[in-house]
Amino acid sequence: MATAQAKHHDYHLVDPSPWPAVGSLFAFVLAVGAVSWMHHMYAAAPIVFGIGAIGVLYTFASWWTDVVREAQYKGDHTRVVQISHRYGMILFIASEVMFFVAWFWAYFNSSLFPGDPVHATREVLFGGVWPPKGIQTFDPWHLPLLNTLILLTSGTTVTWAHHALLEGDRKGLKYGLILTIILGALFSCVQAYEYSHAAFGFAGNIYGATFFMATGFHGFHVLVGTIFLLVCLFRVYAGHFTPKQHLGFEFAAWYWHFVDVVWLFLFITIYVWGYGGHVAGAAAH
């Protein structure tokens, strides 16, 4: 009997789990609550939304705890399984890239052709220039440059942590992670301060919509990446990760570098190039 149940392969057959069904249920509650709240359908809509949000977060924590247990204590993440996980993470990051392609597409479609005769309303809405008339853009060499330096530095510290882990330097791993988390939180604080001083809003103009969708979506990714790294730090203090078994940390580092690269494109295109267009437009008038 024991021989029949023995594992004769390197693949991981996942145990039955309640979290897909539980997560779907709470996601449905979350969606119903969000729609009801936005349309002011009933007074308890915020409570329904809150219950759904808490349930989704609880599902996240429980499901990922099971994954950590499989990797750390049950030995299910063999070399073959790790390859599959790496492919999955690569495809996930590729799907995230497509999200940002959509925001960049919206931005460039408007900014490169502000007076396109095919879109007759653009001349009226934009004034034939980009940024549209009346929009005061951010100075890229002030807070945006500061945030760029912060994020690039955080990419250096997470690389330091990664190399420290590979060399068995637990102290360097902890210090590198702590510094990266602090820099990630600092980036979010600077961006929140920048948003609070924006001379334009999200609604009412295409510049604000594309700006806040692109930079705000990236800011959300920074928050997710910071939480990802924070969980890795907790796991380091719990004695997890070895030079040969550290898939969770490796994925966090990949994700963080992806966030860094996307920000460089945002800084160059939306802040620097967009600001240059604004200055040239002002000089021409």
Foldseek 3Di string as FASTA:
>chain_A
DVVVPDDDDLAADDDDDCLVVQLVVLVVLLVQLVVCVVVVVDDCSVVSNVSSVVSNVVSVVVVVVVVCCCQFPVVNCDPVNLVVVVVVLVVVLVVVVVQLVVLVCLVCVCQVFQPDVVPVCSCVAQVRAPPRPPADADQLPPLVVVLLVLLVVLLVLLVQLLVCQLVVNLVSVLVSLVSSLVSLVVSLVSVVVVVVPGPDDCPDHSLNVSLCSNVVVLNVLSVVLSVLSVVVSVVSVVVDGHSVRDSSSVSSSVSSVSSSVSSVVCSVVSNVVSVVRVVVVVVVD
